[in-house]
N, C-alpha and C. Protein backbone atom coordinates (compact mmCIF):
# COMPACT_ATOMS: atom_id res chain seq x y z
N PRO A 1 -35.09 35.47 -37.46
CA PRO A 1 -34.45 35.54 -36.17
C PRO A 1 -33.74 34.22 -35.86
N ILE A 2 -32.74 34.31 -35.02
CA ILE A 2 -31.96 33.13 -34.61
C ILE A 2 -32.70 32.43 -33.49
N GLN A 3 -32.89 31.13 -33.69
CA GLN A 3 -33.57 30.31 -32.69
C GLN A 3 -32.53 29.65 -31.78
N PRO A 4 -32.76 29.66 -30.45
CA PRO A 4 -31.82 28.94 -29.58
C PRO A 4 -31.89 27.45 -29.88
N SER A 5 -30.74 26.86 -29.90
CA SER A 5 -30.70 25.42 -30.22
C SER A 5 -30.98 24.60 -28.96
N GLN A 6 -31.58 23.46 -29.18
CA GLN A 6 -31.84 22.53 -28.10
C GLN A 6 -30.59 21.67 -27.91
N PRO A 7 -30.24 21.35 -26.67
CA PRO A 7 -29.09 20.46 -26.48
C PRO A 7 -29.35 19.13 -27.18
N SER A 8 -28.32 18.66 -27.88
CA SER A 8 -28.50 17.42 -28.63
C SER A 8 -28.16 16.19 -27.80
N GLY A 9 -27.45 16.35 -26.70
CA GLY A 9 -27.03 15.22 -25.88
C GLY A 9 -27.96 15.02 -24.70
N PRO A 10 -27.62 14.07 -23.84
CA PRO A 10 -28.44 13.82 -22.66
C PRO A 10 -28.34 14.99 -21.68
N PRO A 11 -29.36 15.17 -20.88
CA PRO A 11 -29.33 16.26 -19.92
C PRO A 11 -28.16 16.12 -18.95
N VAL A 12 -27.67 17.24 -18.48
CA VAL A 12 -26.53 17.27 -17.57
C VAL A 12 -26.80 16.44 -16.31
N VAL A 13 -28.02 16.46 -15.82
CA VAL A 13 -28.36 15.70 -14.62
C VAL A 13 -28.13 14.21 -14.84
N LEU A 14 -28.48 13.72 -16.03
CA LEU A 14 -28.25 12.30 -16.33
C LEU A 14 -26.76 11.97 -16.35
N LEU A 15 -25.95 12.86 -16.92
CA LEU A 15 -24.51 12.63 -16.97
C LEU A 15 -23.92 12.61 -15.56
N LEU A 16 -24.36 13.53 -14.71
CA LEU A 16 -23.86 13.56 -13.33
C LEU A 16 -24.27 12.30 -12.57
N ALA A 17 -25.49 11.84 -12.79
CA ALA A 17 -25.97 10.63 -12.12
C ALA A 17 -25.15 9.42 -12.58
N ALA A 18 -24.85 9.34 -13.87
CA ALA A 18 -24.06 8.23 -14.40
C ALA A 18 -22.65 8.26 -13.81
N ALA A 19 -22.07 9.45 -13.69
CA ALA A 19 -20.73 9.57 -13.11
C ALA A 19 -20.74 9.13 -11.65
N ALA A 20 -21.78 9.48 -10.92
CA ALA A 20 -21.89 9.08 -9.51
C ALA A 20 -21.98 7.56 -9.39
N VAL A 21 -22.74 6.93 -10.26
CA VAL A 21 -22.88 5.47 -10.23
C VAL A 21 -21.54 4.82 -10.54
N LEU A 22 -20.80 5.34 -11.52
CA LEU A 22 -19.50 4.77 -11.87
C LEU A 22 -18.53 4.83 -10.69
N CYS A 23 -18.63 5.88 -9.90
CA CYS A 23 -17.74 6.01 -8.74
C CYS A 23 -18.04 4.95 -7.68
N LEU A 24 -19.24 4.42 -7.67
CA LEU A 24 -19.63 3.46 -6.66
C LEU A 24 -19.43 2.01 -7.08
N VAL A 25 -19.24 1.77 -8.36
CA VAL A 25 -19.13 0.41 -8.87
C VAL A 25 -17.66 -0.02 -8.85
N PRO A 26 -17.31 -1.07 -8.08
CA PRO A 26 -15.93 -1.54 -8.05
C PRO A 26 -15.46 -1.96 -9.44
N GLY A 27 -14.22 -1.60 -9.76
CA GLY A 27 -13.66 -1.97 -11.05
C GLY A 27 -14.03 -1.00 -12.15
N SER A 28 -14.88 -0.02 -11.86
CA SER A 28 -15.23 0.97 -12.87
C SER A 28 -14.20 2.09 -12.82
N LEU A 29 -14.46 3.15 -13.55
CA LEU A 29 -13.54 4.27 -13.55
C LEU A 29 -13.35 4.82 -12.16
N GLY A 30 -14.40 4.90 -11.37
CA GLY A 30 -14.30 5.40 -10.02
C GLY A 30 -13.50 4.48 -9.12
N GLY A 31 -13.48 3.21 -9.41
CA GLY A 31 -12.73 2.26 -8.61
C GLY A 31 -11.26 2.19 -8.99
N ALA A 32 -10.87 2.94 -10.02
CA ALA A 32 -9.49 2.91 -10.48
C ALA A 32 -8.54 3.42 -9.42
N GLY A 33 -9.05 4.16 -8.41
CA GLY A 33 -8.21 4.65 -7.35
C GLY A 33 -7.65 3.54 -6.49
N ARG A 34 -8.24 2.37 -6.54
CA ARG A 34 -7.75 1.23 -5.77
C ARG A 34 -6.69 0.50 -6.59
N LEU A 35 -5.46 0.79 -6.29
CA LEU A 35 -4.37 0.15 -7.04
C LEU A 35 -4.16 -1.29 -6.60
N TYR A 36 -4.55 -1.59 -5.37
CA TYR A 36 -4.33 -2.92 -4.82
C TYR A 36 -5.64 -3.45 -4.26
N THR A 37 -5.84 -4.76 -4.41
CA THR A 37 -7.06 -5.39 -3.92
C THR A 37 -6.69 -6.56 -3.01
N GLU A 38 -7.68 -7.12 -2.38
CA GLU A 38 -7.46 -8.26 -1.49
C GLU A 38 -6.95 -9.48 -2.26
N GLU A 39 -7.15 -9.52 -3.56
CA GLU A 39 -6.66 -10.64 -4.37
C GLU A 39 -5.16 -10.56 -4.63
N ASP A 40 -4.56 -9.39 -4.43
CA ASP A 40 -3.13 -9.24 -4.65
C ASP A 40 -2.35 -9.94 -3.53
N PRO A 41 -1.14 -10.44 -3.83
CA PRO A 41 -0.38 -11.21 -2.83
C PRO A 41 0.38 -10.32 -1.84
N LEU A 42 -0.31 -9.32 -1.29
CA LEU A 42 0.29 -8.41 -0.34
C LEU A 42 -0.74 -8.01 0.70
N VAL A 43 -0.31 -7.29 1.71
CA VAL A 43 -1.21 -6.89 2.78
C VAL A 43 -1.57 -5.42 2.60
N ILE A 44 -2.87 -5.15 2.52
CA ILE A 44 -3.34 -3.77 2.44
C ILE A 44 -3.47 -3.27 3.87
N LEU A 45 -2.62 -2.32 4.22
CA LEU A 45 -2.56 -1.80 5.57
C LEU A 45 -3.39 -0.53 5.70
N SER A 46 -3.73 -0.19 6.92
CA SER A 46 -4.44 1.05 7.22
C SER A 46 -3.85 1.63 8.50
N SER A 47 -4.33 2.80 8.87
CA SER A 47 -3.83 3.40 10.11
C SER A 47 -4.14 2.51 11.30
N ASP A 48 -5.23 1.76 11.22
CA ASP A 48 -5.61 0.87 12.32
C ASP A 48 -4.75 -0.39 12.38
N SER A 49 -4.29 -0.87 11.24
CA SER A 49 -3.59 -2.17 11.21
C SER A 49 -2.07 -2.07 11.11
N LEU A 50 -1.54 -0.93 10.69
CA LEU A 50 -0.10 -0.83 10.42
C LEU A 50 0.75 -1.15 11.65
N LYS A 51 0.52 -0.46 12.73
CA LYS A 51 1.38 -0.63 13.90
C LYS A 51 1.32 -2.06 14.45
N SER A 52 0.12 -2.59 14.59
CA SER A 52 0.01 -3.95 15.14
C SER A 52 0.59 -4.99 14.19
N ALA A 53 0.43 -4.80 12.89
CA ALA A 53 0.96 -5.76 11.92
C ALA A 53 2.49 -5.78 11.96
N VAL A 54 3.08 -4.62 12.01
CA VAL A 54 4.54 -4.53 11.98
C VAL A 54 5.15 -4.87 13.33
N THR A 55 4.56 -4.38 14.40
CA THR A 55 5.11 -4.60 15.74
C THR A 55 5.02 -6.05 16.17
N ASN A 56 3.93 -6.69 15.89
CA ASN A 56 3.72 -8.07 16.34
C ASN A 56 4.18 -9.11 15.32
N SER A 57 4.92 -8.69 14.33
CA SER A 57 5.30 -9.60 13.26
C SER A 57 6.60 -10.32 13.56
N SER A 58 6.68 -11.55 13.12
CA SER A 58 7.93 -12.30 13.25
C SER A 58 8.76 -12.17 11.98
N SER A 59 8.31 -11.34 11.04
CA SER A 59 9.05 -11.14 9.80
C SER A 59 9.35 -9.66 9.61
N ALA A 60 10.27 -9.39 8.69
CA ALA A 60 10.53 -8.02 8.28
C ALA A 60 9.41 -7.58 7.35
N TRP A 61 9.24 -6.28 7.19
CA TRP A 61 8.19 -5.74 6.32
C TRP A 61 8.78 -4.81 5.28
N LEU A 62 8.33 -4.94 4.04
CA LEU A 62 8.55 -3.96 2.99
C LEU A 62 7.21 -3.26 2.80
N ILE A 63 7.17 -1.96 3.04
CA ILE A 63 5.91 -1.23 2.97
C ILE A 63 6.02 -0.12 1.94
N GLN A 64 5.05 -0.07 1.05
CA GLN A 64 4.96 1.03 0.09
C GLN A 64 3.86 1.98 0.58
N PHE A 65 4.25 3.22 0.86
CA PHE A 65 3.29 4.27 1.16
C PHE A 65 3.03 4.96 -0.17
N PHE A 66 1.78 4.96 -0.61
CA PHE A 66 1.47 5.48 -1.93
C PHE A 66 0.23 6.35 -1.86
N SER A 67 -0.07 6.97 -2.99
CA SER A 67 -1.31 7.72 -3.13
C SER A 67 -1.98 7.24 -4.40
N SER A 68 -3.25 6.93 -4.30
CA SER A 68 -3.96 6.34 -5.43
C SER A 68 -4.06 7.27 -6.63
N TRP A 69 -3.82 8.57 -6.45
CA TRP A 69 -3.88 9.50 -7.58
C TRP A 69 -2.50 9.77 -8.18
N CYS A 70 -1.44 9.25 -7.58
CA CYS A 70 -0.06 9.52 -8.00
C CYS A 70 0.29 8.72 -9.25
N GLY A 71 0.71 9.41 -10.29
CA GLY A 71 1.06 8.75 -11.55
C GLY A 71 2.19 7.75 -11.41
N HIS A 72 3.23 8.10 -10.65
CA HIS A 72 4.35 7.17 -10.44
C HIS A 72 3.88 5.92 -9.68
N CYS A 73 2.99 6.12 -8.71
CA CYS A 73 2.46 4.98 -7.94
C CYS A 73 1.64 4.05 -8.83
N ILE A 74 0.84 4.64 -9.69
CA ILE A 74 0.02 3.86 -10.61
C ILE A 74 0.91 3.03 -11.53
N GLN A 75 1.95 3.67 -12.08
CA GLN A 75 2.87 2.96 -12.97
C GLN A 75 3.64 1.87 -12.24
N TYR A 76 3.98 2.10 -10.99
CA TYR A 76 4.81 1.16 -10.23
C TYR A 76 4.02 0.02 -9.60
N SER A 77 2.70 0.14 -9.55
CA SER A 77 1.89 -0.85 -8.83
C SER A 77 2.08 -2.27 -9.37
N SER A 78 2.22 -2.43 -10.67
CA SER A 78 2.40 -3.79 -11.22
C SER A 78 3.75 -4.37 -10.79
N THR A 79 4.77 -3.53 -10.67
CA THR A 79 6.08 -4.00 -10.21
C THR A 79 6.01 -4.43 -8.75
N TRP A 80 5.30 -3.65 -7.92
CA TRP A 80 5.18 -3.98 -6.50
C TRP A 80 4.39 -5.28 -6.31
N LYS A 81 3.36 -5.45 -7.13
CA LYS A 81 2.58 -6.70 -7.08
C LYS A 81 3.46 -7.89 -7.49
N ALA A 82 4.30 -7.69 -8.51
CA ALA A 82 5.18 -8.77 -8.96
C ALA A 82 6.20 -9.12 -7.87
N LEU A 83 6.73 -8.11 -7.19
CA LEU A 83 7.65 -8.37 -6.08
C LEU A 83 6.94 -9.17 -4.99
N ALA A 84 5.74 -8.74 -4.63
CA ALA A 84 4.97 -9.45 -3.60
C ALA A 84 4.72 -10.90 -4.01
N GLN A 85 4.43 -11.11 -5.28
CA GLN A 85 4.20 -12.47 -5.79
C GLN A 85 5.48 -13.29 -5.68
N ASP A 86 6.62 -12.67 -6.01
CA ASP A 86 7.90 -13.39 -5.97
C ASP A 86 8.30 -13.82 -4.56
N VAL A 87 7.92 -13.04 -3.54
CA VAL A 87 8.36 -13.36 -2.18
C VAL A 87 7.23 -13.92 -1.30
N LYS A 88 6.08 -14.22 -1.89
CA LYS A 88 4.95 -14.66 -1.07
C LYS A 88 5.23 -15.95 -0.31
N ASP A 89 6.12 -16.80 -0.83
CA ASP A 89 6.46 -18.04 -0.13
C ASP A 89 7.46 -17.81 1.00
N TRP A 90 7.94 -16.59 1.15
CA TRP A 90 8.92 -16.25 2.18
C TRP A 90 8.27 -15.49 3.34
N GLN A 91 6.96 -15.61 3.52
CA GLN A 91 6.27 -14.79 4.50
C GLN A 91 6.78 -14.96 5.92
N ASP A 92 7.46 -16.07 6.22
CA ASP A 92 8.05 -16.22 7.54
C ASP A 92 9.20 -15.22 7.73
N ALA A 93 9.81 -14.81 6.63
CA ALA A 93 10.95 -13.89 6.71
C ALA A 93 10.60 -12.47 6.30
N ILE A 94 9.69 -12.31 5.34
CA ILE A 94 9.39 -10.98 4.82
C ILE A 94 7.93 -10.87 4.41
N SER A 95 7.33 -9.75 4.74
CA SER A 95 5.96 -9.46 4.33
C SER A 95 5.97 -8.19 3.51
N VAL A 96 5.09 -8.11 2.53
CA VAL A 96 4.98 -6.94 1.66
C VAL A 96 3.63 -6.31 1.90
N GLY A 97 3.64 -5.00 2.13
CA GLY A 97 2.39 -4.29 2.39
C GLY A 97 2.32 -2.97 1.67
N VAL A 98 1.11 -2.42 1.63
CA VAL A 98 0.87 -1.11 1.04
C VAL A 98 -0.05 -0.32 1.95
N LEU A 99 0.11 1.00 1.92
CA LEU A 99 -0.77 1.87 2.68
C LEU A 99 -1.07 3.09 1.81
N ASP A 100 -2.34 3.36 1.56
CA ASP A 100 -2.77 4.46 0.70
C ASP A 100 -2.91 5.74 1.52
N CYS A 101 -1.95 6.64 1.35
CA CYS A 101 -1.96 7.91 2.08
C CYS A 101 -3.03 8.87 1.57
N ALA A 102 -3.67 8.56 0.44
CA ALA A 102 -4.74 9.41 -0.08
C ALA A 102 -6.05 9.17 0.66
N GLN A 103 -6.15 8.08 1.39
CA GLN A 103 -7.36 7.82 2.17
C GLN A 103 -7.31 8.64 3.45
N GLU A 104 -8.36 9.38 3.68
CA GLU A 104 -8.39 10.33 4.80
C GLU A 104 -8.04 9.69 6.14
N GLU A 105 -8.49 8.46 6.36
CA GLU A 105 -8.21 7.81 7.64
C GLU A 105 -6.72 7.48 7.82
N ASN A 106 -5.93 7.57 6.75
CA ASN A 106 -4.50 7.26 6.83
C ASN A 106 -3.62 8.51 6.89
N PHE A 107 -4.21 9.71 6.83
CA PHE A 107 -3.43 10.94 6.81
C PHE A 107 -2.45 11.02 7.98
N ASP A 108 -2.95 10.75 9.19
CA ASP A 108 -2.11 10.91 10.38
C ASP A 108 -0.96 9.91 10.43
N VAL A 109 -1.22 8.66 10.07
CA VAL A 109 -0.14 7.66 10.11
C VAL A 109 0.91 7.98 9.05
N CYS A 110 0.51 8.49 7.91
CA CYS A 110 1.50 8.87 6.88
C CYS A 110 2.34 10.05 7.38
N LYS A 111 1.72 10.96 8.09
CA LYS A 111 2.45 12.08 8.69
C LYS A 111 3.41 11.56 9.76
N ASP A 112 2.95 10.63 10.60
CA ASP A 112 3.80 10.05 11.65
C ASP A 112 5.03 9.36 11.07
N TYR A 113 4.89 8.75 9.89
CA TYR A 113 5.99 8.07 9.23
C TYR A 113 6.79 9.00 8.31
N SER A 114 6.51 10.31 8.39
CA SER A 114 7.21 11.34 7.60
C SER A 114 7.14 11.09 6.10
N ILE A 115 5.97 10.69 5.63
CA ILE A 115 5.78 10.46 4.20
C ILE A 115 5.49 11.79 3.53
N LYS A 116 6.40 12.21 2.65
CA LYS A 116 6.24 13.49 1.96
C LYS A 116 6.13 13.33 0.45
N PHE A 117 6.60 12.20 -0.06
CA PHE A 117 6.60 11.95 -1.49
C PHE A 117 6.03 10.56 -1.75
N TYR A 118 5.51 10.38 -2.95
CA TYR A 118 4.92 9.09 -3.32
C TYR A 118 5.58 8.58 -4.58
N PRO A 119 5.79 7.28 -4.67
CA PRO A 119 5.70 6.33 -3.57
C PRO A 119 6.92 6.46 -2.65
N THR A 120 6.74 6.11 -1.40
CA THR A 120 7.83 6.03 -0.42
C THR A 120 7.86 4.59 0.09
N PHE A 121 9.06 4.05 0.17
CA PHE A 121 9.23 2.66 0.60
C PHE A 121 9.96 2.65 1.93
N LYS A 122 9.46 1.85 2.85
CA LYS A 122 10.08 1.71 4.17
C LYS A 122 10.29 0.22 4.44
N VAL A 123 11.40 -0.06 5.09
CA VAL A 123 11.71 -1.43 5.52
C VAL A 123 11.65 -1.43 7.04
N ARG A 124 10.88 -2.31 7.58
CA ARG A 124 10.79 -2.47 9.04
C ARG A 124 11.32 -3.85 9.37
N GLN A 125 12.43 -3.88 10.08
CA GLN A 125 13.04 -5.16 10.44
C GLN A 125 12.34 -5.76 11.65
N HIS A 126 12.32 -7.07 11.68
CA HIS A 126 11.77 -7.77 12.84
C HIS A 126 12.70 -7.53 14.03
N VAL A 127 12.12 -7.12 15.13
CA VAL A 127 12.88 -6.93 16.36
C VAL A 127 12.31 -7.89 17.39
N PRO A 128 13.11 -8.85 17.87
CA PRO A 128 12.60 -9.79 18.86
C PRO A 128 12.13 -9.06 20.12
N ALA A 129 11.15 -9.60 20.77
CA ALA A 129 10.64 -9.01 22.01
C ALA A 129 11.74 -8.96 23.05
N ALA A 130 11.65 -8.02 23.97
CA ALA A 130 12.65 -7.87 25.02
C ALA A 130 12.77 -9.17 25.82
N GLY A 131 13.99 -9.56 26.10
CA GLY A 131 14.22 -10.76 26.90
C GLY A 131 14.25 -12.04 26.09
N VAL A 132 14.02 -11.94 24.79
CA VAL A 132 14.04 -13.14 23.94
C VAL A 132 15.38 -13.18 23.23
N SER A 133 16.10 -14.27 23.40
CA SER A 133 17.40 -14.41 22.76
C SER A 133 17.23 -14.76 21.29
N PRO A 134 18.11 -14.23 20.44
CA PRO A 134 18.04 -14.62 19.03
C PRO A 134 18.42 -16.08 18.87
N PRO A 135 17.95 -16.73 17.82
CA PRO A 135 18.31 -18.13 17.60
C PRO A 135 19.82 -18.29 17.50
N ALA A 136 20.31 -19.47 17.84
CA ALA A 136 21.74 -19.74 17.75
C ALA A 136 22.24 -19.46 16.35
N GLY A 137 23.35 -18.77 16.27
CA GLY A 137 23.93 -18.45 14.97
C GLY A 137 23.39 -17.19 14.35
N ALA A 138 22.36 -16.59 14.93
CA ALA A 138 21.77 -15.39 14.34
C ALA A 138 22.72 -14.21 14.43
N ASP A 139 23.61 -14.23 15.42
CA ASP A 139 24.56 -13.14 15.57
C ASP A 139 25.92 -13.51 14.97
N GLY A 140 25.95 -14.53 14.20
CA GLY A 140 27.19 -14.97 13.59
C GLY A 140 27.90 -16.03 14.42
N GLY A 141 27.50 -16.18 15.69
CA GLY A 141 28.06 -17.24 16.52
C GLY A 141 29.43 -16.93 17.08
N ARG A 142 30.16 -16.06 16.45
CA ARG A 142 31.50 -15.71 16.94
C ARG A 142 31.92 -14.40 16.31
N SER A 143 32.90 -13.80 16.89
CA SER A 143 33.40 -12.55 16.33
C SER A 143 34.56 -12.86 15.39
N LEU A 144 34.94 -11.87 14.63
CA LEU A 144 36.07 -12.03 13.73
C LEU A 144 37.34 -12.33 14.53
N ALA A 145 37.48 -11.66 15.67
CA ALA A 145 38.69 -11.85 16.50
C ALA A 145 38.77 -13.28 17.02
N SER A 146 37.64 -13.87 17.39
CA SER A 146 37.69 -15.23 17.92
C SER A 146 38.02 -16.25 16.84
N GLY A 147 37.83 -15.88 15.60
CA GLY A 147 38.13 -16.80 14.50
C GLY A 147 39.58 -16.75 14.08
N LEU A 148 40.33 -15.79 14.62
CA LEU A 148 41.74 -15.66 14.23
C LEU A 148 42.66 -16.40 15.12
């Protein structure tokens, strides 16, 4: 008679437990969803921080709305980090940020910003507060007609 074979590998419960642990350990396979970390030369934004960071900023913002599972986003992350590194000394003029639309707490803000594809890039220009005059020369100082 044919005898049922015994599984030769570890029990399924052990494999599931190991997978769960990997998901909790930063930098492991489960942590691969984090394309950007606090060590990167950019600002990791969230639904709580996006509006206040951009609205109260004295600089323009380049923001990448991405999804941690998106293949294009994963491939592009090193380029975005390199850009952030290149302009990090210009933070008075420009800030670089990222917002992960795959995180549940960011769903609504991504919807509010009409994010439908990943990655999506938005530029938010600095707008001086009402009643504040731009610095001298910021508007060109004169019109073309006055120069003629």
